[in-house]
Amino acid sequence: EGYYFTPKGNDPCLSCTCHNGEPEMCVAALC
């Protein structure tokens, strides 16, 4: 809980915060 992570999916450039088992406040990087 509360840590940043990249959730499972098709975009490895997403960084989200874990909140109650959900990825929230996601930010995407452009390469």
Full PDB file with SEQRES, HELIX, SHEET, SSBOND, CRYST1, ORIGX, SCALE, CONECT and MASTER records, all heavy atoms in Angstrom:
SEQRES   1 A   31  GLU GLY TYR TYR PHE THR PRO LYS GLY ASN ASP PRO CYS          
SEQRES   2 A   31  LEU SER CYS THR CYS HIS ASN GLY GLU PRO GLU MET CYS          
SEQRES   3 A   31  VAL ALA ALA LEU CYS                                          
SHEET    1 AA1 3 TYR A   4  PHE A   5  0                                        
SHEET    2 AA1 3 LEU A  14  HIS A  19 -1                                        
SHEET    3 AA1 3 GLU A  22  ALA A  28 -1                                        
SSBOND   1 CYS A   16    CYS A   26                          1555   1555  2.03  
CRYST1    1.000    1.000    1.000  90.00  90.00  90.00 P 1           1          
ORIGX1      1.000000  0.000000  0.000000        0.00000                         
ORIGX2      0.000000  1.000000  0.000000        0.00000                         
ORIGX3      0.000000  0.000000  1.000000        0.00000                         
SCALE1      1.000000  0.000000  0.000000        0.00000                         
SCALE2      0.000000  1.000000  0.000000        0.00000                         
SCALE3      0.000000  0.000000  1.000000        0.00000                         
ATOM      1  N   GLU A   1       0.828  -1.199   0.000  1.00  0.00           N  
ATOM      2  CA  GLU A   1       0.000   0.000   0.000  1.00  0.00           C  
ATOM      3  C   GLU A   1       0.868   1.257   0.000  1.00  0.00           C  
ATOM      4  O   GLU A   1       1.830   1.383   0.762  1.00  0.00           O  
ATOM      5  CB  GLU A   1      -0.911  -0.014   1.235  1.00  0.00           C  
ATOM      6  CG  GLU A   1      -1.823   1.181   1.380  1.00  0.00           C  
ATOM      7  CD  GLU A   1      -3.042   1.108   0.461  1.00  0.00           C  
ATOM      8  OE1 GLU A   1      -3.225   0.079  -0.210  1.00  0.00           O  
ATOM      9  OE2 GLU A   1      -3.810   2.087   0.436  1.00  0.00           O  
ATOM     10  N   GLY A   2       0.519   2.201  -0.886  1.00  0.00           N  
ATOM     11  CA  GLY A   2       1.192   3.493  -0.920  1.00  0.00           C  
ATOM     12  C   GLY A   2       2.441   3.571  -1.782  1.00  0.00           C  
ATOM     13  O   GLY A   2       3.008   4.647  -1.946  1.00  0.00           O  
ATOM     14  N   TYR A   3       2.867   2.440  -2.343  1.00  0.00           N  
ATOM     15  CA  TYR A   3       4.093   2.433  -3.141  1.00  0.00           C  
ATOM     16  C   TYR A   3       3.774   2.657  -4.617  1.00  0.00           C  
ATOM     17  O   TYR A   3       2.699   2.345  -5.108  1.00  0.00           O  
ATOM     18  CB  TYR A   3       4.833   1.102  -2.970  1.00  0.00           C  
ATOM     19  CG  TYR A   3       5.636   1.019  -1.698  1.00  0.00           C  
ATOM     20  CD1 TYR A   3       5.005   0.819  -0.465  1.00  0.00           C  
ATOM     21  CD2 TYR A   3       7.021   1.143  -1.711  1.00  0.00           C  
ATOM     22  CE1 TYR A   3       5.741   0.747   0.715  1.00  0.00           C  
ATOM     23  CE2 TYR A   3       7.760   1.065  -0.544  1.00  0.00           C  
ATOM     24  CZ  TYR A   3       7.115   0.865   0.663  1.00  0.00           C  
ATOM     25  OH  TYR A   3       7.835   0.800   1.824  1.00  0.00           O  
ATOM     26  N   TYR A   4       4.782   3.202  -5.336  1.00  0.00           N  
ATOM     27  CA  TYR A   4       4.667   3.375  -6.784  1.00  0.00           C  
ATOM     28  C   TYR A   4       4.960   2.052  -7.487  1.00  0.00           C  
ATOM     29  O   TYR A   4       5.790   1.272  -7.045  1.00  0.00           O  
ATOM     30  CB  TYR A   4       5.664   4.423  -7.279  1.00  0.00           C  
ATOM     31  CG  TYR A   4       5.367   5.813  -6.795  1.00  0.00           C  
ATOM     32  CD1 TYR A   4       6.167   6.416  -5.832  1.00  0.00           C  
ATOM     33  CD2 TYR A   4       4.287   6.538  -7.304  1.00  0.00           C  
ATOM     34  CE1 TYR A   4       5.900   7.698  -5.379  1.00  0.00           C  
ATOM     35  CE2 TYR A   4       4.006   7.816  -6.854  1.00  0.00           C  
ATOM     36  CZ  TYR A   4       4.820   8.399  -5.888  1.00  0.00           C  
ATOM     37  OH  TYR A   4       4.552   9.656  -5.450  1.00  0.00           O  
ATOM     38  N   PHE A   5       4.274   1.833  -8.607  1.00  0.00           N  
ATOM     39  CA  PHE A   5       4.513   0.609  -9.366  1.00  0.00           C  
ATOM     40  C   PHE A   5       3.949   0.775 -10.768  1.00  0.00           C  
ATOM     41  O   PHE A   5       3.167   1.685 -11.050  1.00  0.00           O  
ATOM     42  CB  PHE A   5       3.870  -0.591  -8.670  1.00  0.00           C  
ATOM     43  CG  PHE A   5       2.367  -0.643  -8.784  1.00  0.00           C  
ATOM     44  CD1 PHE A   5       1.741  -1.580  -9.599  1.00  0.00           C  
ATOM     45  CD2 PHE A   5       1.558   0.256  -8.089  1.00  0.00           C  
ATOM     46  CE1 PHE A   5       0.369  -1.637  -9.711  1.00  0.00           C  
ATOM     47  CE2 PHE A   5       0.192   0.203  -8.194  1.00  0.00           C  
ATOM     48  CZ  PHE A   5      -0.412  -0.741  -8.999  1.00  0.00           C  
ATOM     49  N   THR A   6       4.359  -0.122 -11.662  1.00  0.00           N  
ATOM     50  CA  THR A   6       3.801  -0.194 -13.009  1.00  0.00           C  
ATOM     51  C   THR A   6       2.839  -1.365 -13.048  1.00  0.00           C  
ATOM     52  O   THR A   6       3.257  -2.511 -12.895  1.00  0.00           O  
ATOM     53  CB  THR A   6       4.912  -0.386 -14.055  1.00  0.00           C  
ATOM     54  OG1 THR A   6       5.789   0.739 -14.017  1.00  0.00           O  
ATOM     55  CG2 THR A   6       4.321  -0.514 -15.450  1.00  0.00           C  
ATOM     56  N   PRO A   7       1.544  -1.112 -13.237  1.00  0.00           N  
ATOM     57  CA  PRO A   7       0.565  -2.208 -13.190  1.00  0.00           C  
ATOM     58  C   PRO A   7       0.640  -3.086 -14.425  1.00  0.00           C  
ATOM     59  O   PRO A   7       1.189  -2.712 -15.464  1.00  0.00           O  
ATOM     60  CB  PRO A   7      -0.774  -1.473 -13.121  1.00  0.00           C  
ATOM     61  CG  PRO A   7      -0.511  -0.151 -13.758  1.00  0.00           C  
ATOM     62  CD  PRO A   7       0.915   0.195 -13.453  1.00  0.00           C  
ATOM     63  N   LYS A   8       0.075  -4.289 -14.289  1.00  0.00           N  
ATOM     64  CA  LYS A   8      -0.041  -5.166 -15.443  1.00  0.00           C  
ATOM     65  C   LYS A   8      -0.880  -4.487 -16.520  1.00  0.00           C  
ATOM     66  O   LYS A   8      -1.859  -3.812 -16.233  1.00  0.00           O  
ATOM     67  CB  LYS A   8      -0.709  -6.484 -15.045  1.00  0.00           C  
ATOM     68  CG  LYS A   8       0.186  -7.443 -14.294  1.00  0.00           C  
ATOM     69  CD  LYS A   8      -0.546  -8.754 -14.068  1.00  0.00           C  
ATOM     70  CE  LYS A   8       0.361  -9.781 -13.426  1.00  0.00           C  
ATOM     71  NZ  LYS A   8      -0.331 -11.065 -13.243  1.00  0.00           N  
ATOM     72  N   GLY A   9      -0.506  -4.690 -17.760  1.00  0.00           N  
ATOM     73  CA  GLY A   9      -1.238  -4.071 -18.856  1.00  0.00           C  
ATOM     74  C   GLY A   9      -0.345  -3.955 -20.070  1.00  0.00           C  
ATOM     75  O   GLY A   9       0.684  -4.632 -20.185  1.00  0.00           O  
ATOM     76  N   ASN A  10      -0.708  -3.062 -20.985  1.00  0.00           N  
ATOM     77  CA  ASN A  10       0.015  -2.921 -22.237  1.00  0.00           C  
ATOM     78  C   ASN A  10       0.992  -1.769 -22.248  1.00  0.00           C  
ATOM     79  O   ASN A  10       1.632  -1.520 -23.261  1.00  0.00           O  
ATOM     80  CB  ASN A  10      -0.992  -2.743 -23.386  1.00  0.00           C  
ATOM     81  CG  ASN A  10      -1.894  -3.948 -23.542  1.00  0.00           C  
ATOM     82  OD1 ASN A  10      -1.445  -5.079 -23.378  1.00  0.00           O  
ATOM     83  ND2 ASN A  10      -3.157  -3.714 -23.833  1.00  0.00           N  
ATOM     84  N   ASP A  11       1.102  -1.017 -21.155  1.00  0.00           N  
ATOM     85  CA  ASP A  11       1.962   0.162 -21.143  1.00  0.00           C  
ATOM     86  C   ASP A  11       2.965   0.077 -20.003  1.00  0.00           C  
ATOM     87  O   ASP A  11       2.633   0.337 -18.845  1.00  0.00           O  
ATOM     88  CB  ASP A  11       1.115   1.432 -20.998  1.00  0.00           C  
ATOM     89  CG  ASP A  11       1.931   2.693 -21.266  1.00  0.00           C  
ATOM     90  OD1 ASP A  11       3.172   2.581 -21.361  1.00  0.00           O  
ATOM     91  OD2 ASP A  11       1.326   3.769 -21.377  1.00  0.00           O  
ATOM     92  N   PRO A  12       4.227  -0.281 -20.302  1.00  0.00           N  
ATOM     93  CA  PRO A  12       5.234  -0.357 -19.243  1.00  0.00           C  
ATOM     94  C   PRO A  12       5.731   1.004 -18.785  1.00  0.00           C  
ATOM     95  O   PRO A  12       6.593   1.079 -17.917  1.00  0.00           O  
ATOM     96  CB  PRO A  12       6.365  -1.154 -19.905  1.00  0.00           C  
ATOM     97  CG  PRO A  12       6.251  -0.830 -21.356  1.00  0.00           C  
ATOM     98  CD  PRO A  12       4.778  -0.659 -21.621  1.00  0.00           C  
ATOM     99  N   CYS A  13       5.209   2.085 -19.371  1.00  0.00           N  
ATOM    100  CA  CYS A  13       5.641   3.435 -18.998  1.00  0.00           C  
ATOM    101  C   CYS A  13       4.657   4.125 -18.066  1.00  0.00           C  
ATOM    102  O   CYS A  13       4.708   5.342 -17.897  1.00  0.00           O  
ATOM    103  CB  CYS A  13       5.861   4.275 -20.255  1.00  0.00           C  
ATOM    104  SG  CYS A  13       7.311   3.767 -21.211  1.00  0.00           S  
ATOM    105  N   LEU A  14       3.743   3.381 -17.476  1.00  0.00           N  
ATOM    106  CA  LEU A  14       2.840   3.947 -16.478  1.00  0.00           C  
ATOM    107  C   LEU A  14       3.439   3.773 -15.085  1.00  0.00           C  
ATOM    108  O   LEU A  14       3.998   2.725 -14.767  1.00  0.00           O  
ATOM    109  CB  LEU A  14       1.479   3.258 -16.519  1.00  0.00           C  
ATOM    110  CG  LEU A  14       0.525   3.626 -17.652  1.00  0.00           C  
ATOM    111  CD1 LEU A  14      -0.741   2.792 -17.550  1.00  0.00           C  
ATOM    112  CD2 LEU A  14       0.190   5.100 -17.619  1.00  0.00           C  
ATOM    113  N   SER A  15       3.297   4.794 -14.270  1.00  0.00           N  
ATOM    114  CA  SER A  15       3.689   4.716 -12.864  1.00  0.00           C  
ATOM    115  C   SER A  15       2.484   5.125 -12.037  1.00  0.00           C  
ATOM    116  O   SER A  15       1.944   6.223 -12.211  1.00  0.00           O  
ATOM    117  CB  SER A  15       4.880   5.644 -12.575  1.00  0.00           C  
ATOM    118  OG  SER A  15       5.241   5.555 -11.210  1.00  0.00           O  
ATOM    119  N   CYS A  16       2.047   4.219 -11.156  1.00  0.00           N  
ATOM    120  CA  CYS A  16       0.834   4.441 -10.375  1.00  0.00           C  
ATOM    121  C   CYS A  16       1.138   4.281  -8.886  1.00  0.00           C  
ATOM    122  O   CYS A  16       2.168   3.724  -8.498  1.00  0.00           O  
ATOM    123  CB  CYS A  16      -0.261   3.461 -10.778  1.00  0.00           C  
ATOM    124  SG  CYS A  16      -0.675   3.462 -12.533  1.00  0.00           S  
ATOM    125  N   THR A  17       0.210   4.719  -8.065  1.00  0.00           N  
ATOM    126  CA  THR A  17       0.285   4.515  -6.621  1.00  0.00           C  
ATOM    127  C   THR A  17      -0.699   3.424  -6.227  1.00  0.00           C  
ATOM    128  O   THR A  17      -1.838   3.414  -6.692  1.00  0.00           O  
ATOM    129  CB  THR A  17      -0.052   5.814  -5.868  1.00  0.00           C  
ATOM    130  OG1 THR A  17       0.850   6.837  -6.277  1.00  0.00           O  
ATOM    131  CG2 THR A  17       0.068   5.607  -4.361  1.00  0.00           C  
ATOM    132  N   CYS A  18      -0.260   2.505  -5.393  1.00  0.00           N  
ATOM    133  CA  CYS A  18      -1.133   1.432  -4.918  1.00  0.00           C  
ATOM    134  C   CYS A  18      -2.012   1.959  -3.787  1.00  0.00           C  
ATOM    135  O   CYS A  18      -1.506   2.425  -2.764  1.00  0.00           O  
ATOM    136  CB  CYS A  18      -0.300   0.245  -4.434  1.00  0.00           C  
ATOM    137  SG  CYS A  18      -1.298  -1.136  -3.818  1.00  0.00           S  
ATOM    138  N   HIS A  19      -3.333   1.876  -3.968  1.00  0.00           N  
ATOM    139  CA  HIS A  19      -4.275   2.331  -2.944  1.00  0.00           C  
ATOM    140  C   HIS A  19      -5.421   1.344  -2.859  1.00  0.00           C  
ATOM    141  O   HIS A  19      -6.185   1.169  -3.819  1.00  0.00           O  
ATOM    142  CB  HIS A  19      -4.801   3.727  -3.286  1.00  0.00           C  
ATOM    143  CG  HIS A  19      -5.807   4.254  -2.291  1.00  0.00           C  
ATOM    144  ND1 HIS A  19      -5.487   4.501  -0.971  1.00  0.00           N  
ATOM    145  CD2 HIS A  19      -7.129   4.546  -2.422  1.00  0.00           C  
ATOM    146  CE1 HIS A  19      -6.550   4.942  -0.337  1.00  0.00           C  
ATOM    147  NE2 HIS A  19      -7.566   4.972  -1.194  1.00  0.00           N  
ATOM    148  N   ASN A  20      -5.542   0.659  -1.735  1.00  0.00           N  
ATOM    149  CA  ASN A  20      -6.608  -0.331  -1.520  1.00  0.00           C  
ATOM    150  C   ASN A  20      -6.638  -1.385  -2.622  1.00  0.00           C  
ATOM    151  O   ASN A  20      -7.702  -1.776  -3.102  1.00  0.00           O  
ATOM    152  CB  ASN A  20      -7.970   0.352  -1.407  1.00  0.00           C  
ATOM    153  CG  ASN A  20      -8.119   1.154  -0.138  1.00  0.00           C  
ATOM    154  OD1 ASN A  20      -7.462   0.889   0.868  1.00  0.00           O  
ATOM    155  ND2 ASN A  20      -8.976   2.164  -0.176  1.00  0.00           N  
ATOM    156  N   GLY A  21      -5.456  -1.826  -3.033  1.00  0.00           N  
ATOM    157  CA  GLY A  21      -5.377  -2.863  -4.043  1.00  0.00           C  
ATOM    158  C   GLY A  21      -5.647  -2.390  -5.455  1.00  0.00           C  
ATOM    159  O   GLY A  21      -5.795  -3.197  -6.366  1.00  0.00           O  
ATOM    160  N   GLU A  22      -5.716  -1.079  -5.670  1.00  0.00           N  
ATOM    161  CA  GLU A  22      -5.991  -0.508  -6.992  1.00  0.00           C  
ATOM    162  C   GLU A  22      -4.858   0.424  -7.398  1.00  0.00           C  
ATOM    163  O   GLU A  22      -4.291   1.130  -6.564  1.00  0.00           O  
ATOM    164  CB  GLU A  22      -7.286   0.301  -6.955  1.00  0.00           C  
ATOM    165  CG  GLU A  22      -8.528  -0.502  -6.651  1.00  0.00           C  
ATOM    166  CD  GLU A  22      -9.218  -0.949  -7.912  1.00  0.00           C  
ATOM    167  OE1 GLU A  22      -8.545  -1.015  -8.954  1.00  0.00           O  
ATOM    168  OE2 GLU A  22     -10.417  -1.225  -7.846  1.00  0.00           O  
ATOM    169  N   PRO A  23      -4.520   0.471  -8.704  1.00  0.00           N  
ATOM    170  CA  PRO A  23      -3.582   1.492  -9.175  1.00  0.00           C  
ATOM    171  C   PRO A  23      -4.300   2.822  -9.345  1.00  0.00           C  
ATOM    172  O   PRO A  23      -5.308   2.914 -10.047  1.00  0.00           O  
ATOM    173  CB  PRO A  23      -3.106   0.926 -10.526  1.00  0.00           C  
ATOM    174  CG  PRO A  23      -4.187   0.010 -10.969  1.00  0.00           C  
ATOM    175  CD  PRO A  23      -4.901  -0.484  -9.746  1.00  0.00           C  
ATOM    176  N   GLU A  24      -3.805   3.853  -8.680  1.00  0.00           N  
ATOM    177  CA  GLU A  24      -4.420   5.171  -8.758  1.00  0.00           C  
ATOM    178  C   GLU A  24      -3.347   6.225  -9.016  1.00  0.00           C  
ATOM    179  O   GLU A  24      -2.158   5.978  -8.863  1.00  0.00           O  
ATOM    180  CB  GLU A  24      -5.177   5.500  -7.469  1.00  0.00           C  
ATOM    181  CG  GLU A  24      -6.382   4.596  -7.231  1.00  0.00           C  
ATOM    182  CD  GLU A  24      -7.230   5.032  -6.057  1.00  0.00           C  
ATOM    183  OE1 GLU A  24      -6.800   5.982  -5.356  1.00  0.00           O  
ATOM    184  OE2 GLU A  24      -8.307   4.456  -5.857  1.00  0.00           O  
ATOM    185  N   MET A  25      -3.799   7.434  -9.427  1.00  0.00           N  
ATOM    186  CA  MET A  25      -2.915   8.579  -9.699  1.00  0.00           C  
ATOM    187  C   MET A  25      -1.779   8.173 -10.635  1.00  0.00           C  
ATOM    188  O   MET A  25      -0.599   8.324 -10.321  1.00  0.00           O  
ATOM    189  CB  MET A  25      -2.362   9.160  -8.392  1.00  0.00           C  
ATOM    190  CG  MET A  25      -3.437   9.725  -7.478  1.00  0.00           C  
ATOM    191  SD  MET A  25      -2.794  10.464  -5.975  1.00  0.00           S  
ATOM    192  CE  MET A  25      -2.239   9.012  -5.112  1.00  0.00           C  
ATOM    193  N   CYS A  26      -2.156   7.629 -11.787  1.00  0.00           N  
ATOM    194  CA  CYS A  26      -1.164   7.105 -12.726  1.00  0.00           C  
ATOM    195  C   CYS A  26      -0.588   8.221 -13.597  1.00  0.00           C  
ATOM    196  O   CYS A  26      -1.303   9.125 -14.035  1.00  0.00           O  
ATOM    197  CB  CYS A  26      -1.789   6.030 -13.610  1.00  0.00           C  
ATOM    198  SG  CYS A  26      -2.360   4.584 -12.689  1.00  0.00           S  
ATOM    199  N   VAL A  27       0.695   8.144 -13.846  1.00  0.00           N  
ATOM    200  CA  VAL A  27       1.409   9.091 -14.704  1.00  0.00           C  
ATOM    201  C   VAL A  27       2.114   8.290 -15.786  1.00  0.00           C  
ATOM    202  O   VAL A  27       2.708   7.244 -15.512  1.00  0.00           O  
ATOM    203  CB  VAL A  27       2.436   9.911 -13.888  1.00  0.00           C  
ATOM    204  CG1 VAL A  27       3.215  10.843 -14.813  1.00  0.00           C  
ATOM    205  CG2 VAL A  27       1.738  10.705 -12.803  1.00  0.00           C  
ATOM    206  N   ALA A  28       2.032   8.781 -17.030  1.00  0.00           N  
ATOM    207  CA  ALA A  28       2.658   8.088 -18.148  1.00  0.00           C  
ATOM    208  C   ALA A  28       3.918   8.819 -18.596  1.00  0.00           C  
ATOM    209  O   ALA A  28       3.948  10.047 -18.631  1.00  0.00           O  
ATOM    210  CB  ALA A  28       1.685   7.971 -19.312  1.00  0.00           C  
ATOM    211  N   ALA A  29       4.947   8.071 -18.937  1.00  0.00           N  
ATOM    212  CA  ALA A  29       6.165   8.634 -19.517  1.00  0.00           C  
ATOM    213  C   ALA A  29       6.090   8.523 -21.037  1.00  0.00           C  
ATOM    214  O   ALA A  29       5.528   7.580 -21.577  1.00  0.00           O  
ATOM    215  CB  ALA A  29       7.392   7.888 -19.001  1.00  0.00           C  
ATOM    216  N   LEU A  30       6.657   9.518 -21.721  1.00  0.00           N  
ATOM    217  CA  LEU A  30       6.754   9.494 -23.177  1.00  0.00           C  
ATOM    218  C   LEU A  30       8.210   9.238 -23.547  1.00  0.00           C  
ATOM    219  O   LEU A  30       9.110   9.874 -23.007  1.00  0.00           O  
ATOM    220  CB  LEU A  30       6.275  10.814 -23.771  1.00  0.00           C  
ATOM    221  CG  LEU A  30       4.818  11.183 -23.469  1.00  0.00           C  
ATOM    222  CD1 LEU A  30       4.465  12.516 -24.109  1.00  0.00           C  
ATOM    223  CD2 LEU A  30       3.879  10.106 -23.962  1.00  0.00           C  
ATOM    224  N   CYS A  31       8.421   8.318 -24.471  1.00  0.00           N  
ATOM    225  CA  CYS A  31       9.779   7.869 -24.785  1.00  0.00           C  
ATOM    226  C   CYS A  31      10.266   8.482 -26.089  1.00  0.00           C  
ATOM    227  O   CYS A  31       9.504   8.630 -27.050  1.00  0.00           O  
ATOM    228  CB  CYS A  31       9.820   6.339 -24.912  1.00  0.00           C  
ATOM    229  SG  CYS A  31       9.194   5.479 -23.468  1.00  0.00           S  
TER     230      CYS A  31                                                      
CONECT  124  198                                                                
CONECT  198  124                                                                
MASTER        0    0    0    0    3    0    0    6  229    1    2    3          
END                                                                             
